Structures are given as structure tokens and as C-alpha cells.
Amino acid sequence: MEKASLIFITGGVRSGKSRFAEDLAIQNAALTGGNLHYLAPGVASDPEMKKRIEKHKRERQQSKVEWTTWEQPRDIGELSGCFNSNDILVLDCLTTLLNNELFFNEEKWDRVFLREIHNMILTGITSLLAQSQQLIIVSNEVLQDFSQGNELVWEYSRIIGQLHQDIVNLAEQAYLVECGVPMMMKGDKE
């Protein structure tokens, strides 16, 4: 396998991104002999989110390969010591991780706080990448439509947009998934 250490996958809600990420991880783990790890920052905060988490768990259980799931709503880098150099990691999803980091405490969303969150997430990603064969990051494309009159939404859009750009800059491959169809936006087609 040609090493593609970092892969970024984005798309709309329920576009098929998670399934594509999991399939890609399974293929790559078969080539490297590494273990599959699912890093899940999602928290079942309401009935809809609980259903989505359960659905993803069922799908991984039915995939006929063994996944180790790590439920880590914040501080994703803390897990980096749990993996070895052959392991394939799927972080699903970046937007949920960012939400958790931003809303964990009652900090004022000033530039200093937002920069700290941005740096903490990127540092965590770099740590995970250094301890694994491959890290696949799934995120939601939320920048298509946002309320320009809402300062909170604008700040969130700005920080997720910057994270997307920084991660894609580090990534060997980047995909946009629409209607279940992945389109490579960066990388070599094999």
C-alpha cells in the first residue's frame, strides 16, 4: 500500500461519508495488518443523536471486521498512546469534536479562545497521526449555507473552515462525498 497517512473526507449530513471512511479503513487495514479503531466524539445528548450513534455502532458490528471504538468527546490527542504504527484510525467527526470543545465550558468566544481550540485540535490530530499507519478524518460540510446575521454561527463557520483547510493541507488525500459518491479532491488516483 502506498502510504496515505492522512485522509480527509467531507460532505453533507447523511451523504455516505462515514460508510466510505469505514470501507477505506477496512481496505487499508487488510493491506497493513493493522487494527481498526473508531474515534467517536459523539455524545448522545438527544434522541436523534442517540439513534445515529447506535446506527453507526450496528453498522461497524455488521461489517465482519473487528473495530475498537474509543468514545472521546474532547481532547482527542489523549488517545495517541493507545495505537501502534500499523493501526488505521477513523475520527468521525471533526464538526462534533469542535462542537464539544467549544461548548464544554462557558468561555467567551474571543480570538484567543478560538485559536487555543484550533491549535488543540490540530495538535491532537498530529499526535494521532504520529502513532498510527493512517488517520481518516470525517467532517461535515457546513459552510454552504450559514446565517450571516448570527455571530456565533459565523465564528463557528470560520473556525471549522480554517480547520478543514489546515487538515487538507496536511492530508495526502481529500474527498468530497455527495449522494454516496466519493469524489477525490486531492491526491493521486490509483
N, C-alpha and C. Protein backbone atom coordinates (compact mmCIF):
# COMPACT_ATOMS: atom_id res chain seq x y z
N MET A 1 0.84 -1.17 0.00
CA MET A 1 0.00 0.00 0.00
C MET A 1 0.88 1.23 0.00
N GLU A 2 0.60 2.16 -0.88
CA GLU A 2 1.27 3.44 -0.85
C GLU A 2 0.71 4.19 0.35
N LYS A 3 1.62 4.65 1.20
CA LYS A 3 1.16 5.26 2.45
C LYS A 3 0.46 6.59 2.18
N ALA A 4 -0.74 6.67 2.64
CA ALA A 4 -1.52 7.92 2.63
C ALA A 4 -1.87 8.19 4.07
N SER A 5 -0.94 8.76 4.80
CA SER A 5 -1.04 8.87 6.26
C SER A 5 -2.30 9.57 6.74
N LEU A 6 -2.69 10.64 6.04
CA LEU A 6 -3.86 11.39 6.48
C LEU A 6 -4.82 11.53 5.31
N ILE A 7 -6.07 11.14 5.56
CA ILE A 7 -7.13 11.25 4.55
C ILE A 7 -8.26 12.06 5.17
N PHE A 8 -8.73 13.07 4.44
CA PHE A 8 -9.82 13.92 4.90
C PHE A 8 -11.03 13.66 4.03
N ILE A 9 -12.19 13.46 4.67
CA ILE A 9 -13.44 13.17 3.96
C ILE A 9 -14.51 14.14 4.48
N THR A 10 -15.13 14.87 3.57
CA THR A 10 -16.18 15.79 3.96
C THR A 10 -17.39 15.59 3.04
N GLY A 11 -18.49 16.16 3.44
CA GLY A 11 -19.73 16.09 2.66
C GLY A 11 -20.87 16.53 3.54
N GLY A 12 -22.04 16.56 2.97
CA GLY A 12 -23.22 16.95 3.72
C GLY A 12 -23.64 15.88 4.71
N VAL A 13 -24.58 16.25 5.55
CA VAL A 13 -25.14 15.31 6.53
C VAL A 13 -25.78 14.15 5.79
N ARG A 14 -25.48 12.94 6.23
CA ARG A 14 -26.02 11.69 5.66
C ARG A 14 -25.70 11.53 4.17
N SER A 15 -24.51 11.95 3.79
CA SER A 15 -24.09 11.84 2.39
C SER A 15 -23.38 10.53 2.09
N GLY A 16 -23.08 9.74 3.11
CA GLY A 16 -22.35 8.48 2.91
C GLY A 16 -20.88 8.58 3.29
N LYS A 17 -20.48 9.66 3.94
CA LYS A 17 -19.08 9.87 4.31
C LYS A 17 -18.57 8.80 5.27
N SER A 18 -19.35 8.51 6.30
CA SER A 18 -18.90 7.54 7.31
C SER A 18 -18.72 6.16 6.71
N ARG A 19 -19.66 5.74 5.91
CA ARG A 19 -19.54 4.42 5.27
C ARG A 19 -18.31 4.37 4.37
N PHE A 20 -18.07 5.43 3.59
CA PHE A 20 -16.90 5.48 2.73
C PHE A 20 -15.62 5.43 3.57
N ALA A 21 -15.57 6.18 4.66
CA ALA A 21 -14.39 6.19 5.53
C ALA A 21 -14.13 4.80 6.12
N GLU A 22 -15.19 4.16 6.59
CA GLU A 22 -15.04 2.82 7.17
C GLU A 22 -14.59 1.81 6.13
N ASP A 23 -15.16 1.85 4.93
CA ASP A 23 -14.74 0.93 3.87
C ASP A 23 -13.28 1.15 3.51
N LEU A 24 -12.87 2.39 3.40
CA LEU A 24 -11.49 2.71 3.09
C LEU A 24 -10.55 2.20 4.19
N ALA A 25 -10.95 2.39 5.44
CA ALA A 25 -10.15 1.92 6.57
C ALA A 25 -10.02 0.40 6.56
N ILE A 26 -11.10 -0.30 6.27
CA ILE A 26 -11.07 -1.77 6.21
C ILE A 26 -10.12 -2.24 5.12
N GLN A 27 -10.20 -1.62 3.95
CA GLN A 27 -9.29 -1.98 2.84
C GLN A 27 -7.84 -1.77 3.24
N ASN A 28 -7.55 -0.63 3.84
CA ASN A 28 -6.16 -0.31 4.19
C ASN A 28 -5.64 -1.16 5.34
N ALA A 29 -6.49 -1.50 6.29
CA ALA A 29 -6.08 -2.38 7.39
C ALA A 29 -5.75 -3.77 6.86
N ALA A 30 -6.49 -4.22 5.86
CA ALA A 30 -6.20 -5.53 5.27
C ALA A 30 -4.81 -5.53 4.62
N LEU A 31 -4.40 -4.41 4.09
CA LEU A 31 -3.08 -4.31 3.45
C LEU A 31 -1.94 -4.17 4.45
N THR A 32 -2.20 -3.51 5.56
CA THR A 32 -1.13 -3.25 6.54
C THR A 32 -1.10 -4.27 7.67
N GLY A 33 -2.20 -4.99 7.86
CA GLY A 33 -2.29 -5.90 9.00
C GLY A 33 -2.57 -5.17 10.31
N GLY A 34 -2.93 -3.91 10.20
CA GLY A 34 -3.20 -3.11 11.40
C GLY A 34 -4.60 -3.32 11.94
N ASN A 35 -4.78 -2.87 13.15
CA ASN A 35 -6.09 -2.93 13.79
C ASN A 35 -6.90 -1.70 13.41
N LEU A 36 -8.22 -1.86 13.44
CA LEU A 36 -9.14 -0.78 13.13
C LEU A 36 -9.64 -0.12 14.41
N HIS A 37 -9.56 1.21 14.43
CA HIS A 37 -10.00 1.98 15.59
C HIS A 37 -10.94 3.08 15.13
N TYR A 38 -12.04 3.21 15.85
CA TYR A 38 -13.04 4.22 15.54
C TYR A 38 -13.05 5.22 16.68
N LEU A 39 -12.68 6.46 16.41
CA LEU A 39 -12.64 7.52 17.42
C LEU A 39 -13.92 8.32 17.29
N ALA A 40 -14.76 8.21 18.30
CA ALA A 40 -16.11 8.75 18.25
C ALA A 40 -16.29 9.86 19.28
N PRO A 41 -16.29 11.12 18.84
CA PRO A 41 -16.53 12.20 19.79
C PRO A 41 -18.01 12.45 20.08
N GLY A 42 -18.91 11.77 19.38
CA GLY A 42 -20.34 12.00 19.55
C GLY A 42 -20.83 11.66 20.94
N VAL A 43 -21.72 12.49 21.44
CA VAL A 43 -22.34 12.29 22.75
C VAL A 43 -23.84 12.20 22.51
N ALA A 44 -24.48 11.20 23.08
CA ALA A 44 -25.92 11.01 22.90
C ALA A 44 -26.68 12.04 23.72
N SER A 45 -26.71 13.26 23.25
CA SER A 45 -27.31 14.36 24.00
C SER A 45 -28.81 14.51 23.77
N ASP A 46 -29.32 13.86 22.72
CA ASP A 46 -30.75 13.89 22.45
C ASP A 46 -31.13 12.59 21.74
N PRO A 47 -32.43 12.30 21.60
CA PRO A 47 -32.84 11.03 20.99
C PRO A 47 -32.31 10.83 19.56
N GLU A 48 -32.26 11.89 18.77
CA GLU A 48 -31.76 11.78 17.39
C GLU A 48 -30.30 11.38 17.37
N MET A 49 -29.48 12.03 18.20
CA MET A 49 -28.06 11.70 18.24
C MET A 49 -27.86 10.29 18.77
N LYS A 50 -28.66 9.89 19.74
CA LYS A 50 -28.56 8.52 20.28
C LYS A 50 -28.84 7.51 19.18
N LYS A 51 -29.85 7.75 18.35
CA LYS A 51 -30.17 6.85 17.22
C LYS A 51 -29.02 6.77 16.23
N ARG A 52 -28.42 7.91 15.91
CA ARG A 52 -27.32 7.94 14.95
C ARG A 52 -26.10 7.18 15.47
N ILE A 53 -25.79 7.36 16.76
CA ILE A 53 -24.66 6.64 17.36
C ILE A 53 -24.92 5.14 17.32
N GLU A 54 -26.12 4.73 17.70
CA GLU A 54 -26.46 3.30 17.69
C GLU A 54 -26.40 2.74 16.27
N LYS A 55 -26.86 3.48 15.30
CA LYS A 55 -26.81 3.04 13.89
C LYS A 55 -25.37 2.81 13.45
N HIS A 56 -24.49 3.75 13.75
CA HIS A 56 -23.08 3.60 13.38
C HIS A 56 -22.45 2.39 14.08
N LYS A 57 -22.78 2.18 15.35
CA LYS A 57 -22.25 1.02 16.08
C LYS A 57 -22.71 -0.28 15.44
N ARG A 58 -24.01 -0.35 15.10
CA ARG A 58 -24.56 -1.56 14.46
C ARG A 58 -23.86 -1.84 13.14
N GLU A 59 -23.67 -0.80 12.35
CA GLU A 59 -23.02 -0.97 11.04
C GLU A 59 -21.60 -1.49 11.20
N ARG A 60 -20.85 -0.99 12.18
CA ARG A 60 -19.49 -1.49 12.39
C ARG A 60 -19.52 -2.94 12.87
N GLN A 61 -20.48 -3.28 13.72
CA GLN A 61 -20.58 -4.66 14.20
C GLN A 61 -20.93 -5.62 13.07
N GLN A 62 -21.73 -5.15 12.11
CA GLN A 62 -22.14 -6.00 10.99
C GLN A 62 -21.11 -6.06 9.87
N SER A 63 -20.03 -5.31 9.97
CA SER A 63 -19.05 -5.24 8.89
C SER A 63 -18.16 -6.48 8.80
N LYS A 64 -18.25 -7.37 9.75
CA LYS A 64 -17.48 -8.62 9.77
C LYS A 64 -15.99 -8.42 9.98
N VAL A 65 -15.61 -7.24 10.42
CA VAL A 65 -14.24 -6.99 10.86
C VAL A 65 -14.32 -6.40 12.26
N GLU A 66 -13.23 -6.52 12.99
CA GLU A 66 -13.24 -6.07 14.38
C GLU A 66 -12.79 -4.61 14.47
N TRP A 67 -13.64 -3.81 15.07
CA TRP A 67 -13.34 -2.41 15.35
C TRP A 67 -13.20 -2.23 16.86
N THR A 68 -12.27 -1.40 17.27
CA THR A 68 -12.22 -0.94 18.65
C THR A 68 -12.72 0.49 18.64
N THR A 69 -13.76 0.74 19.43
CA THR A 69 -14.36 2.08 19.47
C THR A 69 -13.87 2.81 20.71
N TRP A 70 -13.45 4.04 20.49
CA TRP A 70 -13.00 4.92 21.56
C TRP A 70 -13.95 6.10 21.61
N GLU A 71 -14.74 6.19 22.66
CA GLU A 71 -15.65 7.32 22.82
C GLU A 71 -14.89 8.41 23.55
N GLN A 72 -14.52 9.43 22.79
CA GLN A 72 -13.67 10.51 23.31
C GLN A 72 -14.24 11.84 22.83
N PRO A 73 -15.12 12.45 23.62
CA PRO A 73 -15.78 13.67 23.17
C PRO A 73 -14.87 14.89 23.06
N ARG A 74 -13.75 14.90 23.78
CA ARG A 74 -12.83 16.04 23.78
C ARG A 74 -11.40 15.54 23.90
N ASP A 75 -10.45 16.45 23.71
CA ASP A 75 -9.03 16.15 23.91
C ASP A 75 -8.62 14.86 23.18
N ILE A 76 -8.88 14.83 21.89
CA ILE A 76 -8.68 13.63 21.08
C ILE A 76 -7.23 13.15 21.11
N GLY A 77 -6.29 14.05 21.28
CA GLY A 77 -4.88 13.69 21.31
C GLY A 77 -4.49 12.81 22.48
N GLU A 78 -5.30 12.81 23.54
CA GLU A 78 -5.01 11.97 24.71
C GLU A 78 -4.98 10.48 24.35
N LEU A 79 -5.62 10.11 23.24
CA LEU A 79 -5.66 8.70 22.85
C LEU A 79 -4.42 8.25 22.09
N SER A 80 -3.54 9.16 21.71
CA SER A 80 -2.46 8.81 20.79
C SER A 80 -1.58 7.67 21.28
N GLY A 81 -1.39 7.51 22.57
CA GLY A 81 -0.56 6.43 23.09
C GLY A 81 -1.22 5.06 23.04
N CYS A 82 -2.44 4.98 22.58
CA CYS A 82 -3.20 3.72 22.56
C CYS A 82 -3.03 2.93 21.26
N PHE A 83 -2.25 3.43 20.30
CA PHE A 83 -2.19 2.83 18.98
C PHE A 83 -0.76 2.45 18.62
N ASN A 84 -0.65 1.56 17.61
CA ASN A 84 0.69 1.24 17.11
C ASN A 84 0.82 1.66 15.66
N SER A 85 1.98 1.53 15.13
CA SER A 85 2.30 2.09 13.81
C SER A 85 1.59 1.41 12.65
N ASN A 86 0.91 0.29 12.86
CA ASN A 86 0.14 -0.35 11.79
C ASN A 86 -1.35 -0.03 11.85
N ASP A 87 -1.79 0.61 12.90
CA ASP A 87 -3.22 0.82 13.12
C ASP A 87 -3.81 1.86 12.17
N ILE A 88 -5.07 1.64 11.82
CA ILE A 88 -5.84 2.55 10.98
C ILE A 88 -6.91 3.17 11.87
N LEU A 89 -6.96 4.50 11.90
CA LEU A 89 -7.89 5.22 12.75
C LEU A 89 -8.90 5.98 11.91
N VAL A 90 -10.14 5.96 12.35
CA VAL A 90 -11.19 6.80 11.75
C VAL A 90 -11.70 7.72 12.84
N LEU A 91 -11.56 9.02 12.63
CA LEU A 91 -12.11 10.03 13.53
C LEU A 91 -13.39 10.56 12.88
N ASP A 92 -14.53 10.25 13.50
CA ASP A 92 -15.82 10.62 12.92
C ASP A 92 -16.69 11.24 14.01
N CYS A 93 -16.83 12.54 14.06
CA CYS A 93 -16.50 13.50 13.04
C CYS A 93 -15.91 14.76 13.66
N LEU A 94 -15.18 15.50 12.84
CA LEU A 94 -14.48 16.71 13.26
C LEU A 94 -15.44 17.79 13.74
N THR A 95 -16.57 17.96 13.07
CA THR A 95 -17.51 19.00 13.48
C THR A 95 -18.07 18.71 14.88
N THR A 96 -18.31 17.46 15.19
CA THR A 96 -18.78 17.09 16.53
C THR A 96 -17.70 17.36 17.56
N LEU A 97 -16.46 17.00 17.23
CA LEU A 97 -15.35 17.27 18.14
C LEU A 97 -15.23 18.76 18.42
N LEU A 98 -15.30 19.57 17.36
CA LEU A 98 -15.22 21.01 17.53
C LEU A 98 -16.37 21.53 18.40
N ASN A 99 -17.58 21.05 18.15
CA ASN A 99 -18.72 21.46 18.99
C ASN A 99 -18.44 21.17 20.46
N ASN A 100 -17.97 19.96 20.73
CA ASN A 100 -17.70 19.58 22.12
C ASN A 100 -16.66 20.49 22.75
N GLU A 101 -15.59 20.78 22.02
CA GLU A 101 -14.53 21.63 22.55
C GLU A 101 -15.05 23.05 22.82
N LEU A 102 -15.85 23.56 21.90
CA LEU A 102 -16.33 24.94 22.03
C LEU A 102 -17.35 25.10 23.15
N PHE A 103 -18.22 24.10 23.31
CA PHE A 103 -19.33 24.25 24.25
C PHE A 103 -19.10 23.56 25.59
N PHE A 104 -17.91 23.00 25.80
CA PHE A 104 -17.64 22.29 27.05
C PHE A 104 -17.69 23.22 28.25
N ASN A 105 -17.20 24.41 28.06
CA ASN A 105 -17.22 25.35 29.17
C ASN A 105 -17.84 26.66 28.70
N GLU A 106 -17.95 27.58 29.59
CA GLU A 106 -18.63 28.83 29.29
C GLU A 106 -17.66 29.94 28.87
N GLU A 107 -16.55 29.56 28.23
CA GLU A 107 -15.59 30.56 27.77
C GLU A 107 -16.24 31.52 26.77
N LYS A 108 -15.80 32.74 26.79
CA LYS A 108 -16.22 33.70 25.78
C LYS A 108 -15.49 33.37 24.49
N TRP A 109 -16.20 33.38 23.40
CA TRP A 109 -15.61 33.02 22.12
C TRP A 109 -14.79 34.18 21.55
N ASP A 110 -13.72 34.52 22.23
CA ASP A 110 -12.85 35.55 21.68
C ASP A 110 -11.77 34.89 20.83
N ARG A 111 -10.99 35.69 20.16
CA ARG A 111 -9.95 35.17 19.24
C ARG A 111 -8.95 34.27 19.95
N VAL A 112 -8.59 34.60 21.18
CA VAL A 112 -7.62 33.79 21.92
C VAL A 112 -8.19 32.41 22.19
N PHE A 113 -9.41 32.34 22.69
CA PHE A 113 -10.04 31.06 22.97
C PHE A 113 -10.19 30.22 21.69
N LEU A 114 -10.66 30.83 20.62
CA LEU A 114 -10.84 30.11 19.36
C LEU A 114 -9.51 29.61 18.82
N ARG A 115 -8.45 30.39 18.93
CA ARG A 115 -7.12 29.96 18.47
C ARG A 115 -6.64 28.79 19.31
N GLU A 116 -6.87 28.83 20.63
CA GLU A 116 -6.48 27.71 21.50
C GLU A 116 -7.19 26.43 21.11
N ILE A 117 -8.49 26.50 20.84
CA ILE A 117 -9.26 25.31 20.43
C ILE A 117 -8.73 24.79 19.10
N HIS A 118 -8.53 25.67 18.15
CA HIS A 118 -7.98 25.30 16.84
C HIS A 118 -6.65 24.57 17.00
N ASN A 119 -5.74 25.16 17.78
CA ASN A 119 -4.42 24.56 17.97
C ASN A 119 -4.50 23.23 18.71
N MET A 120 -5.37 23.14 19.71
CA MET A 120 -5.51 21.90 20.46
C MET A 120 -6.00 20.77 19.55
N ILE A 121 -6.96 21.05 18.69
CA ILE A 121 -7.47 20.02 17.78
C ILE A 121 -6.39 19.60 16.80
N LEU A 122 -5.69 20.56 16.21
CA LEU A 122 -4.61 20.21 15.25
C LEU A 122 -3.49 19.45 15.93
N THR A 123 -3.13 19.83 17.14
CA THR A 123 -2.09 19.10 17.88
C THR A 123 -2.54 17.67 18.16
N GLY A 124 -3.80 17.49 18.54
CA GLY A 124 -4.32 16.14 18.77
C GLY A 124 -4.28 15.30 17.51
N ILE A 125 -4.65 15.88 16.40
CA ILE A 125 -4.62 15.17 15.11
C ILE A 125 -3.19 14.77 14.76
N THR A 126 -2.26 15.68 14.95
CA THR A 126 -0.86 15.38 14.65
C THR A 126 -0.34 14.26 15.54
N SER A 127 -0.74 14.26 16.80
CA SER A 127 -0.32 13.19 17.73
C SER A 127 -0.87 11.84 17.30
N LEU A 128 -2.14 11.81 16.91
CA LEU A 128 -2.75 10.56 16.45
C LEU A 128 -2.05 10.05 15.20
N LEU A 129 -1.76 10.94 14.30
CA LEU A 129 -1.11 10.59 13.04
C LEU A 129 0.28 10.01 13.29
N ALA A 130 1.00 10.56 14.24
CA ALA A 130 2.35 10.10 14.55
C ALA A 130 2.37 8.69 15.14
N GLN A 131 1.25 8.25 15.70
CA GLN A 131 1.19 6.95 16.36
C GLN A 131 0.42 5.90 15.58
N SER A 132 0.14 6.15 14.31
CA SER A 132 -0.68 5.20 13.54
C SER A 132 -0.17 5.11 12.11
N GLN A 133 -0.67 4.14 11.40
CA GLN A 133 -0.37 4.00 9.98
C GLN A 133 -1.14 5.03 9.16
N GLN A 134 -2.40 5.21 9.57
CA GLN A 134 -3.25 6.10 8.80
C GLN A 134 -4.36 6.65 9.68
N LEU A 135 -4.66 7.93 9.46
CA LEU A 135 -5.75 8.60 10.15
C LEU A 135 -6.71 9.12 9.09
N ILE A 136 -7.95 8.69 9.19
CA ILE A 136 -9.00 9.15 8.28
C ILE A 136 -9.93 10.03 9.10
N ILE A 137 -10.07 11.28 8.68
CA ILE A 137 -10.90 12.24 9.40
C ILE A 137 -12.15 12.53 8.58
N VAL A 138 -13.29 12.38 9.22
CA VAL A 138 -14.59 12.67 8.60
C VAL A 138 -15.09 13.98 9.18
N SER A 139 -15.64 14.83 8.31
CA SER A 139 -16.21 16.09 8.77
C SER A 139 -17.45 16.41 7.95
N ASN A 140 -18.24 17.33 8.45
CA ASN A 140 -19.43 17.78 7.74
C ASN A 140 -19.13 19.06 6.99
N GLU A 141 -19.67 19.17 5.81
CA GLU A 141 -19.56 20.40 5.03
C GLU A 141 -20.70 21.30 5.46
N VAL A 142 -20.39 22.21 6.36
CA VAL A 142 -21.42 23.08 6.93
C VAL A 142 -21.33 24.50 6.41
N LEU A 143 -20.40 24.77 5.52
CA LEU A 143 -20.16 26.14 5.10
C LEU A 143 -20.98 26.57 3.89
N GLN A 144 -21.82 25.71 3.36
CA GLN A 144 -22.61 26.06 2.19
C GLN A 144 -23.62 27.16 2.50
N ASP A 145 -24.34 26.99 3.58
CA ASP A 145 -25.37 27.95 3.97
C ASP A 145 -25.21 28.27 5.45
N PHE A 146 -25.01 29.52 5.74
CA PHE A 146 -24.99 29.90 7.15
C PHE A 146 -25.57 31.29 7.30
N SER A 147 -26.06 31.54 8.49
CA SER A 147 -26.71 32.81 8.77
C SER A 147 -25.66 33.89 8.98
N GLN A 148 -25.63 34.86 8.09
CA GLN A 148 -24.65 35.93 8.22
C GLN A 148 -25.01 36.87 9.37
N GLY A 149 -26.24 36.81 9.84
CA GLY A 149 -26.66 37.69 10.93
C GLY A 149 -26.38 37.12 12.30
N ASN A 150 -25.89 35.90 12.38
CA ASN A 150 -25.66 35.24 13.65
C ASN A 150 -24.16 35.14 13.90
N GLU A 151 -23.68 35.92 14.89
CA GLU A 151 -22.24 35.96 15.18
C GLU A 151 -21.69 34.60 15.60
N LEU A 152 -22.43 33.84 16.41
CA LEU A 152 -21.99 32.53 16.86
C LEU A 152 -21.81 31.59 15.68
N VAL A 153 -22.76 31.58 14.77
CA VAL A 153 -22.67 30.72 13.58
C VAL A 153 -21.50 31.17 12.71
N TRP A 154 -21.30 32.46 12.58
CA TRP A 154 -20.20 32.98 11.77
C TRP A 154 -18.85 32.53 12.35
N GLU A 155 -18.66 32.65 13.69
CA GLU A 155 -17.40 32.24 14.31
C GLU A 155 -17.18 30.74 14.16
N TYR A 156 -18.25 29.96 14.36
CA TYR A 156 -18.13 28.52 14.18
C TYR A 156 -17.72 28.19 12.73
N SER A 157 -18.37 28.81 11.78
CA SER A 157 -18.06 28.58 10.36
C SER A 157 -16.62 28.95 10.04
N ARG A 158 -16.15 30.03 10.63
CA ARG A 158 -14.78 30.46 10.39
C ARG A 158 -13.78 29.44 10.92
N ILE A 159 -13.99 28.96 12.14
CA ILE A 159 -13.02 28.04 12.73
C ILE A 159 -13.07 26.66 12.05
N ILE A 160 -14.26 26.15 11.72
CA ILE A 160 -14.31 24.85 11.05
C ILE A 160 -13.72 24.98 9.64
N GLY A 161 -13.97 26.09 8.99
CA GLY A 161 -13.37 26.30 7.67
C GLY A 161 -11.86 26.32 7.72
N GLN A 162 -11.30 26.98 8.74
CA GLN A 162 -9.84 27.01 8.87
C GLN A 162 -9.28 25.64 9.22
N LEU A 163 -9.98 24.90 10.10
CA LEU A 163 -9.54 23.53 10.40
C LEU A 163 -9.55 22.67 9.14
N HIS A 164 -10.62 22.76 8.36
CA HIS A 164 -10.68 21.99 7.11
C HIS A 164 -9.49 22.31 6.22
N GLN A 165 -9.19 23.59 6.05
CA GLN A 165 -8.07 23.98 5.18
C GLN A 165 -6.74 23.45 5.73
N ASP A 166 -6.52 23.58 7.03
CA ASP A 166 -5.26 23.13 7.62
C ASP A 166 -5.10 21.61 7.52
N ILE A 167 -6.19 20.89 7.74
CA ILE A 167 -6.12 19.42 7.67
C ILE A 167 -5.90 18.98 6.23
N VAL A 168 -6.61 19.57 5.28
CA VAL A 168 -6.42 19.21 3.87
C VAL A 168 -5.00 19.53 3.44
N ASN A 169 -4.43 20.60 3.96
CA ASN A 169 -3.05 20.93 3.64
C ASN A 169 -2.09 19.82 4.09
N LEU A 170 -2.38 19.18 5.23
CA LEU A 170 -1.55 18.09 5.74
C LEU A 170 -1.86 16.74 5.07
N ALA A 171 -3.06 16.61 4.52
CA ALA A 171 -3.54 15.32 4.01
C ALA A 171 -2.91 14.95 2.67
N GLU A 172 -2.75 13.65 2.49
CA GLU A 172 -2.33 13.13 1.19
C GLU A 172 -3.52 13.00 0.24
N GLN A 173 -4.70 12.75 0.83
CA GLN A 173 -5.91 12.61 0.04
C GLN A 173 -7.05 13.37 0.72
N ALA A 174 -7.94 13.94 -0.11
CA ALA A 174 -9.14 14.59 0.41
C ALA A 174 -10.29 14.25 -0.52
N TYR A 175 -11.44 13.94 0.06
CA TYR A 175 -12.62 13.54 -0.69
C TYR A 175 -13.81 14.39 -0.29
N LEU A 176 -14.67 14.62 -1.25
CA LEU A 176 -15.99 15.18 -1.02
C LEU A 176 -16.98 14.07 -1.39
N VAL A 177 -17.88 13.74 -0.47
CA VAL A 177 -18.86 12.68 -0.72
C VAL A 177 -20.23 13.33 -0.87
N GLU A 178 -20.87 13.05 -1.99
CA GLU A 178 -22.23 13.53 -2.23
C GLU A 178 -23.07 12.36 -2.73
N CYS A 179 -24.22 12.19 -2.14
CA CYS A 179 -25.16 11.12 -2.53
C CYS A 179 -24.49 9.75 -2.55
N GLY A 180 -23.56 9.52 -1.62
CA GLY A 180 -22.87 8.25 -1.53
C GLY A 180 -21.73 8.08 -2.52
N VAL A 181 -21.44 9.10 -3.30
CA VAL A 181 -20.38 9.02 -4.32
C VAL A 181 -19.17 9.85 -3.86
N PRO A 182 -18.03 9.19 -3.58
CA PRO A 182 -16.83 9.94 -3.19
C PRO A 182 -16.13 10.52 -4.42
N MET A 183 -15.75 11.79 -4.31
CA MET A 183 -15.00 12.44 -5.39
C MET A 183 -13.68 12.90 -4.80
N MET A 184 -12.58 12.41 -5.37
CA MET A 184 -11.27 12.81 -4.87
C MET A 184 -11.00 14.25 -5.25
N MET A 185 -10.68 15.05 -4.25
CA MET A 185 -10.38 16.47 -4.46
C MET A 185 -8.88 16.74 -4.36
N LYS A 186 -8.15 15.84 -3.69
CA LYS A 186 -6.70 15.97 -3.56
C LYS A 186 -6.11 14.58 -3.49
N GLY A 187 -5.00 14.36 -4.17
CA GLY A 187 -4.30 13.09 -4.10
C GLY A 187 -4.17 12.44 -5.45
N ASP A 188 -3.45 11.33 -5.45
CA ASP A 188 -3.24 10.56 -6.68
C ASP A 188 -4.32 9.52 -6.82
N LYS A 189 -4.88 9.42 -8.00
CA LYS A 189 -5.85 8.36 -8.27
C LYS A 189 -5.09 7.10 -8.60
N GLU A 190 -5.48 6.02 -7.95
CA GLU A 190 -4.77 4.75 -8.13
C GLU A 190 -5.40 3.95 -9.23
